[in-house]
Amino acid sequence: MVQQVPSFYRRRVGDALVTVVSDGVLPFDLGVFANIAPEEVNACLADAFRRMPMQASLNCFVIERDWHTALVDTGGGGMAPSCGKLMENLRAAGYTPEAIDTVLITHLHPDHVGGAADAAGQAAFPNAILQVHQADIDFWVHSDMRERVPEPARVFFDMARAGVAAYAQAGRLKPFTGGEVFPGVQAVPLPGHTPGHSGYELVGDDETLLIWGDVFHVPEVQTRHPEATLGPFDVDQAQAAATRAAVLKRAVEEKLLVAGMHLHFPAFSHVVAHETGYGLLPEMWQPAL
């Protein structure tokens, strides 16, 4: 297999430097979709020339501002051979794990928190405070839900707890319920996919960037069908669909720059409205800042 060059891409938003860093890709089982017919899923993907079996991008973001450096999500770690590339690509982009002083987690699913701890259970970012919405900690860490789900689903709780524990035991866990979580960055509640699923909003001089976590998993399908949910992976499917509809409407009305963990790398896009749904316009590649 021929490897591509290291996968990172930089963009300025006001006085902040934002770098998207790829953690790799994840195989995606189309059978998890709910509220949409399988033939319609296949039609959306065929119209977009998507190859099968399908893979979803897995992105993380570095935000540098006011002499601080935040990492948004930590990728999947060792959850699959096709991901876990974050550290390699961070170093290629010029960042060491020690340089990260804040880790912002959109939600505690394995492909977002799996890289927070190393194989020994220690914090992979030894100088960072880990911030995540309190509702996600309550659900994935402190509730009895792990014992109430089928055995194969318990790994979700185990990986969430391992990631959180690595920072809690060092006194560097900082739950939030809203507000500013990093200089110039506001937490945006986007519940449904998980109880505390959050986006992160950065306001520049003439544009606003919303890193929206898992509002989309498969853009080709969910732009045309925002009602399409992820069955077992959306904790509250109705809320997830309502949140997606509201975010898409806001993105169009306010002309937001958006980025997401499963939008195609390098992820920066705008949302446009169509008669039959929405569309994503990937931003043109900028060769220099």
Protein backbone atom coordinates (compact mmCIF):
# COMPACT_ATOMS: atom_id res chain seq x y z
CA MET A 1 0.00 0.00 0.00
CA VAL A 2 1.32 3.44 -0.96
CA GLN A 3 1.02 5.96 1.88
CA GLN A 4 -0.12 9.54 1.35
CA VAL A 5 1.73 12.51 2.83
CA PRO A 6 0.97 13.34 6.50
CA SER A 7 -2.59 14.61 6.79
CA PHE A 8 -2.90 18.06 8.30
CA TYR A 9 -4.16 21.40 7.00
CA ARG A 10 -4.08 24.88 8.52
CA ARG A 11 -6.53 27.74 8.41
CA ARG A 12 -6.82 31.08 10.20
CA VAL A 13 -10.03 32.16 11.91
CA GLY A 14 -9.51 35.69 13.15
CA ASP A 15 -6.38 35.70 15.28
CA ALA A 16 -6.54 31.94 15.90
CA LEU A 17 -4.73 29.27 13.91
CA VAL A 18 -6.83 26.14 13.38
CA THR A 19 -5.20 22.96 12.12
CA VAL A 20 -7.23 19.92 11.14
CA VAL A 21 -5.29 16.73 11.81
CA SER A 22 -6.44 13.36 10.49
CA ASP A 23 -6.64 10.37 12.79
CA GLY A 24 -7.33 8.15 9.78
CA VAL A 25 -10.61 6.63 8.70
CA LEU A 26 -13.19 4.25 10.13
CA PRO A 27 -15.17 1.53 8.33
CA PHE A 28 -18.84 2.51 8.32
CA ASP A 29 -21.68 -0.02 8.41
CA LEU A 30 -24.58 1.44 6.46
CA GLY A 31 -26.91 -0.93 8.28
CA VAL A 32 -26.86 1.32 11.36
CA PHE A 33 -28.93 4.01 9.64
CA ALA A 34 -32.49 4.48 10.93
CA ASN A 35 -35.42 6.59 9.70
CA ILE A 36 -34.35 6.10 6.09
CA ALA A 37 -34.84 3.24 3.63
CA PRO A 38 -31.69 1.29 2.66
CA GLU A 39 -32.35 1.90 -1.03
CA GLU A 40 -32.37 5.66 -0.42
CA VAL A 41 -29.05 5.43 1.42
CA ASN A 42 -27.60 3.55 -1.53
CA ALA A 43 -29.02 6.09 -3.98
CA CYS A 44 -27.45 9.01 -2.10
CA LEU A 45 -24.07 7.31 -2.08
CA ALA A 46 -24.27 6.30 -5.73
CA ASP A 47 -25.16 9.85 -6.75
CA ALA A 48 -22.04 11.05 -4.87
CA PHE A 49 -19.78 8.37 -6.40
CA ARG A 50 -18.88 6.97 -3.00
CA ARG A 51 -16.92 3.75 -3.10
CA MET A 52 -17.90 0.68 -1.13
CA PRO A 53 -17.12 -0.53 1.45
CA MET A 54 -17.53 2.92 2.88
CA GLN A 55 -15.09 4.64 5.18
CA ALA A 56 -15.71 7.76 7.23
CA SER A 57 -13.06 10.42 7.83
CA LEU A 58 -11.91 10.86 11.41
CA ASN A 59 -10.67 14.39 12.08
CA CYS A 60 -9.30 16.23 15.10
CA PHE A 61 -8.57 19.95 15.37
CA VAL A 62 -5.83 22.02 16.99
CA ILE A 63 -6.65 25.61 17.98
CA GLU A 64 -3.81 28.01 18.83
CA ARG A 65 -4.77 31.29 20.44
CA ASP A 66 -3.34 33.61 23.09
CA TRP A 67 -0.28 31.41 23.55
CA HIS A 68 -2.45 28.40 24.36
CA THR A 69 -2.97 25.23 22.34
CA ALA A 70 -6.14 23.13 22.41
CA LEU A 71 -6.84 19.81 20.76
CA VAL A 72 -10.47 19.08 19.88
CA ASP A 73 -11.02 15.31 20.18
CA THR A 74 -8.31 12.66 20.31
CA GLY A 75 -9.37 10.19 17.63
CA GLY A 76 -9.87 6.48 18.04
CA GLY A 77 -6.54 5.39 19.45
CA GLY A 78 -6.23 1.65 18.94
CA MET A 79 -9.89 0.92 18.27
CA ALA A 80 -9.26 0.03 14.59
CA PRO A 81 -6.20 -0.47 12.36
CA SER A 82 -7.36 2.29 10.03
CA CYS A 83 -7.27 5.01 12.71
CA GLY A 84 -4.94 6.02 15.53
CA LYS A 85 -2.83 8.23 13.25
CA LEU A 86 -3.28 11.37 15.36
CA MET A 87 0.10 11.39 17.12
CA GLU A 88 1.99 10.76 13.90
CA ASN A 89 0.17 13.54 12.10
CA LEU A 90 0.38 15.94 15.06
CA ARG A 91 4.16 15.58 15.07
CA ALA A 92 4.27 16.07 11.32
CA ALA A 93 2.33 19.30 11.83
CA GLY A 94 4.87 20.46 14.42
CA TYR A 95 3.03 19.64 17.66
CA THR A 96 4.24 17.47 20.50
CA PRO A 97 1.81 15.89 23.00
CA GLU A 98 3.41 18.04 25.71
CA ALA A 99 2.52 21.24 23.81
CA ILE A 100 -1.24 20.63 24.17
CA ASP A 101 -2.56 22.40 27.27
CA THR A 102 -6.28 21.76 26.72
CA VAL A 103 -8.15 18.78 25.30
CA LEU A 104 -11.75 19.52 24.35
CA ILE A 105 -13.92 16.45 23.80
CA THR A 106 -17.08 16.72 21.71
CA HIS A 107 -18.47 13.53 23.27
CA LEU A 108 -17.24 10.35 24.86
CA HIS A 109 -17.61 7.87 21.98
CA PRO A 110 -14.48 5.74 21.37
CA ASP A 111 -13.53 7.41 18.08
CA HIS A 112 -13.36 10.77 19.87
CA VAL A 113 -11.79 9.89 23.22
CA GLY A 114 -9.91 6.71 22.30
CA GLY A 115 -6.62 8.56 21.90
CA ALA A 116 -6.85 10.44 25.20
CA ALA A 117 -5.02 7.73 27.16
CA ASP A 118 -2.04 5.62 26.15
CA ALA A 119 -1.75 1.83 26.33
CA ALA A 120 -0.69 2.07 29.98
CA GLY A 121 -3.77 4.12 30.89
CA GLN A 122 -1.83 7.35 31.33
CA ALA A 123 -2.80 10.70 29.82
CA ALA A 124 -1.50 10.84 26.25
CA PHE A 125 -1.30 14.64 26.60
CA PRO A 126 0.54 14.96 29.91
CA ASN A 127 0.19 18.72 30.37
CA ALA A 128 -3.41 19.07 29.25
CA ILE A 129 -6.65 19.69 31.09
CA LEU A 130 -9.40 17.52 29.64
CA GLN A 131 -12.78 19.24 29.23
CA VAL A 132 -16.03 17.47 28.40
CA HIS A 133 -19.68 18.22 29.07
CA GLN A 134 -20.89 17.09 32.48
CA ALA A 135 -23.89 15.30 30.94
CA ASP A 136 -21.60 12.98 29.00
CA ILE A 137 -19.55 12.21 32.11
CA ASP A 138 -22.75 11.49 34.02
CA PHE A 139 -23.99 9.11 31.30
CA TRP A 140 -20.80 7.28 30.28
CA VAL A 141 -18.83 7.32 33.53
CA HIS A 142 -21.10 7.71 36.56
CA SER A 143 -24.35 5.98 35.56
CA ASP A 144 -25.23 2.28 35.70
CA MET A 145 -25.90 2.21 31.95
CA ARG A 146 -22.90 -0.05 31.27
CA GLU A 147 -24.59 -2.91 33.10
CA ARG A 148 -27.85 -2.32 31.25
CA VAL A 149 -26.52 -2.63 27.67
CA PRO A 150 -25.51 -5.78 25.73
CA GLU A 151 -21.95 -6.99 26.27
CA PRO A 152 -20.60 -5.78 22.87
CA ALA A 153 -21.70 -2.21 23.65
CA ARG A 154 -19.86 -2.06 26.97
CA VAL A 155 -16.59 -1.17 25.25
CA PHE A 156 -18.07 2.29 24.66
CA PHE A 157 -18.30 2.81 28.40
CA ASP A 158 -14.92 1.22 29.06
CA MET A 159 -13.08 3.49 26.61
CA ALA A 160 -14.89 6.59 27.86
CA ARG A 161 -14.01 5.75 31.45
CA ALA A 162 -10.37 5.03 30.61
CA GLY A 163 -9.97 8.36 28.84
CA VAL A 164 -11.63 10.36 31.60
CA ALA A 165 -9.80 8.51 34.39
CA ALA A 166 -6.38 9.26 32.90
CA TYR A 167 -6.97 12.98 33.52
CA ALA A 168 -9.14 12.75 36.64
CA GLN A 169 -6.48 10.82 38.54
CA ALA A 170 -3.99 13.61 37.76
CA GLY A 171 -6.45 16.32 38.83
CA ARG A 172 -6.78 17.57 35.25
CA LEU A 173 -10.43 16.80 34.45
CA LYS A 174 -12.64 19.88 34.07
CA PRO A 175 -16.29 19.16 33.23
CA PHE A 176 -18.37 22.00 31.83
CA THR A 177 -22.03 22.75 31.23
CA GLY A 178 -21.49 25.63 28.79
CA GLY A 179 -19.68 28.91 28.30
CA GLU A 180 -16.11 29.65 27.30
CA VAL A 181 -13.88 26.57 27.48
CA PHE A 182 -10.73 28.01 25.84
CA PRO A 183 -9.74 31.59 24.97
CA GLY A 184 -12.32 32.74 22.42
CA VAL A 185 -13.98 29.31 22.15
CA GLN A 186 -17.53 28.73 23.35
CA ALA A 187 -19.11 25.32 23.98
CA VAL A 188 -22.29 24.83 21.94
CA PRO A 189 -24.80 22.22 23.19
CA LEU A 190 -25.70 19.73 20.43
CA PRO A 191 -27.50 16.97 22.37
CA GLY A 192 -28.99 13.80 20.99
CA HIS A 193 -26.08 11.83 19.60
CA THR A 194 -25.01 11.67 23.23
CA PRO A 195 -26.48 13.60 26.18
CA GLY A 196 -23.56 16.05 26.35
CA HIS A 197 -22.58 16.11 22.68
CA SER A 198 -21.04 19.56 22.15
CA GLY A 199 -19.67 21.71 19.38
CA TYR A 200 -17.02 24.39 19.75
CA GLU A 201 -17.49 27.86 18.27
CA LEU A 202 -14.71 30.28 17.44
CA VAL A 203 -15.61 33.80 16.32
CA GLY A 204 -13.20 35.55 13.95
CA ASP A 205 -13.20 39.07 12.55
CA ASP A 206 -15.59 38.33 9.70
CA GLU A 207 -16.62 34.69 10.14
CA THR A 208 -17.57 32.14 12.76
CA LEU A 209 -16.26 28.59 12.81
CA LEU A 210 -18.41 25.87 14.37
CA ILE A 211 -16.64 22.55 14.92
CA TRP A 212 -19.80 20.51 15.19
CA GLY A 213 -18.57 17.09 16.26
CA ASP A 214 -20.87 14.34 14.97
CA VAL A 215 -23.75 16.38 13.57
CA PHE A 216 -22.98 14.43 10.38
CA HIS A 217 -21.53 10.95 9.96
CA VAL A 218 -22.19 10.46 6.25
CA PRO A 219 -22.63 13.89 4.63
CA GLU A 220 -23.90 12.52 1.31
CA VAL A 221 -26.85 10.94 3.09
CA GLN A 222 -27.60 13.32 5.94
CA THR A 223 -27.51 16.52 3.90
CA ARG A 224 -30.37 15.17 1.78
CA HIS A 225 -32.00 13.43 4.73
CA PRO A 226 -31.30 15.24 8.03
CA GLU A 227 -33.84 12.93 9.66
CA ALA A 228 -31.57 9.92 9.07
CA THR A 229 -30.17 8.83 12.41
CA LEU A 230 -27.60 6.30 13.53
CA GLY A 231 -29.80 3.76 15.27
CA PRO A 232 -27.78 2.27 18.14
CA PHE A 233 -25.19 5.08 18.17
CA ASP A 234 -27.59 7.98 18.74
CA VAL A 235 -28.57 7.88 22.40
CA ASP A 236 -31.71 9.91 21.60
CA GLN A 237 -32.52 9.60 17.90
CA ALA A 238 -35.33 12.16 17.86
CA GLN A 239 -33.17 14.73 19.64
CA ALA A 240 -30.20 14.01 17.35
CA ALA A 241 -32.34 14.62 14.25
CA ALA A 242 -33.83 17.81 15.72
CA THR A 243 -30.37 19.09 16.66
CA ARG A 244 -29.05 18.40 13.16
CA ALA A 245 -31.99 20.25 11.57
CA ALA A 246 -31.48 23.24 13.85
CA VAL A 247 -27.72 23.40 13.24
CA LEU A 248 -28.14 23.18 9.48
CA LYS A 249 -30.73 25.97 9.53
CA ARG A 250 -28.46 28.15 11.64
CA ALA A 251 -25.43 27.43 9.45
CA VAL A 252 -27.31 28.61 6.37
CA GLU A 253 -28.83 31.69 7.99
CA GLU A 254 -25.59 32.83 9.62
CA LYS A 255 -23.27 31.63 6.84
CA LEU A 256 -21.19 29.70 9.36
CA LEU A 257 -17.94 28.05 8.47
CA VAL A 258 -18.39 24.49 9.72
CA ALA A 259 -16.08 21.57 10.33
CA GLY A 260 -16.77 18.12 11.70
CA MET A 261 -15.06 14.97 12.77
CA HIS A 262 -16.57 12.95 9.90
CA LEU A 263 -16.66 15.56 7.15
CA HIS A 264 -14.24 14.72 4.37
CA PHE A 265 -10.74 15.91 5.18
CA PRO A 266 -9.82 18.76 5.46
CA ALA A 267 -13.43 19.29 6.53
CA PHE A 268 -13.92 23.09 6.35
CA SER A 269 -17.21 23.72 4.56
CA HIS A 270 -20.29 25.91 4.24
CA VAL A 271 -23.90 24.73 4.25
CA VAL A 272 -26.38 25.69 1.54
CA ALA A 273 -30.12 25.02 1.38
CA HIS A 274 -31.79 23.14 -1.48
CA GLU A 275 -35.44 22.40 -2.16
CA THR A 276 -34.77 18.76 -1.28
CA GLY A 277 -32.54 19.33 1.73
CA TYR A 278 -29.11 20.79 2.21
CA GLY A 279 -25.71 20.66 0.60
CA LEU A 280 -22.14 21.07 1.76
CA LEU A 281 -19.71 23.27 -0.14
CA PRO A 282 -16.15 22.25 0.82
CA GLU A 283 -13.91 25.25 1.10
CA MET A 284 -11.33 25.76 -1.62
CA TRP A 285 -7.82 24.64 -0.61
CA GLN A 286 -5.67 27.59 0.49
CA PRO A 287 -2.00 27.09 -0.42
CA ALA A 288 -0.80 29.82 1.98
CA LEU A 289 -2.12 31.56 5.08
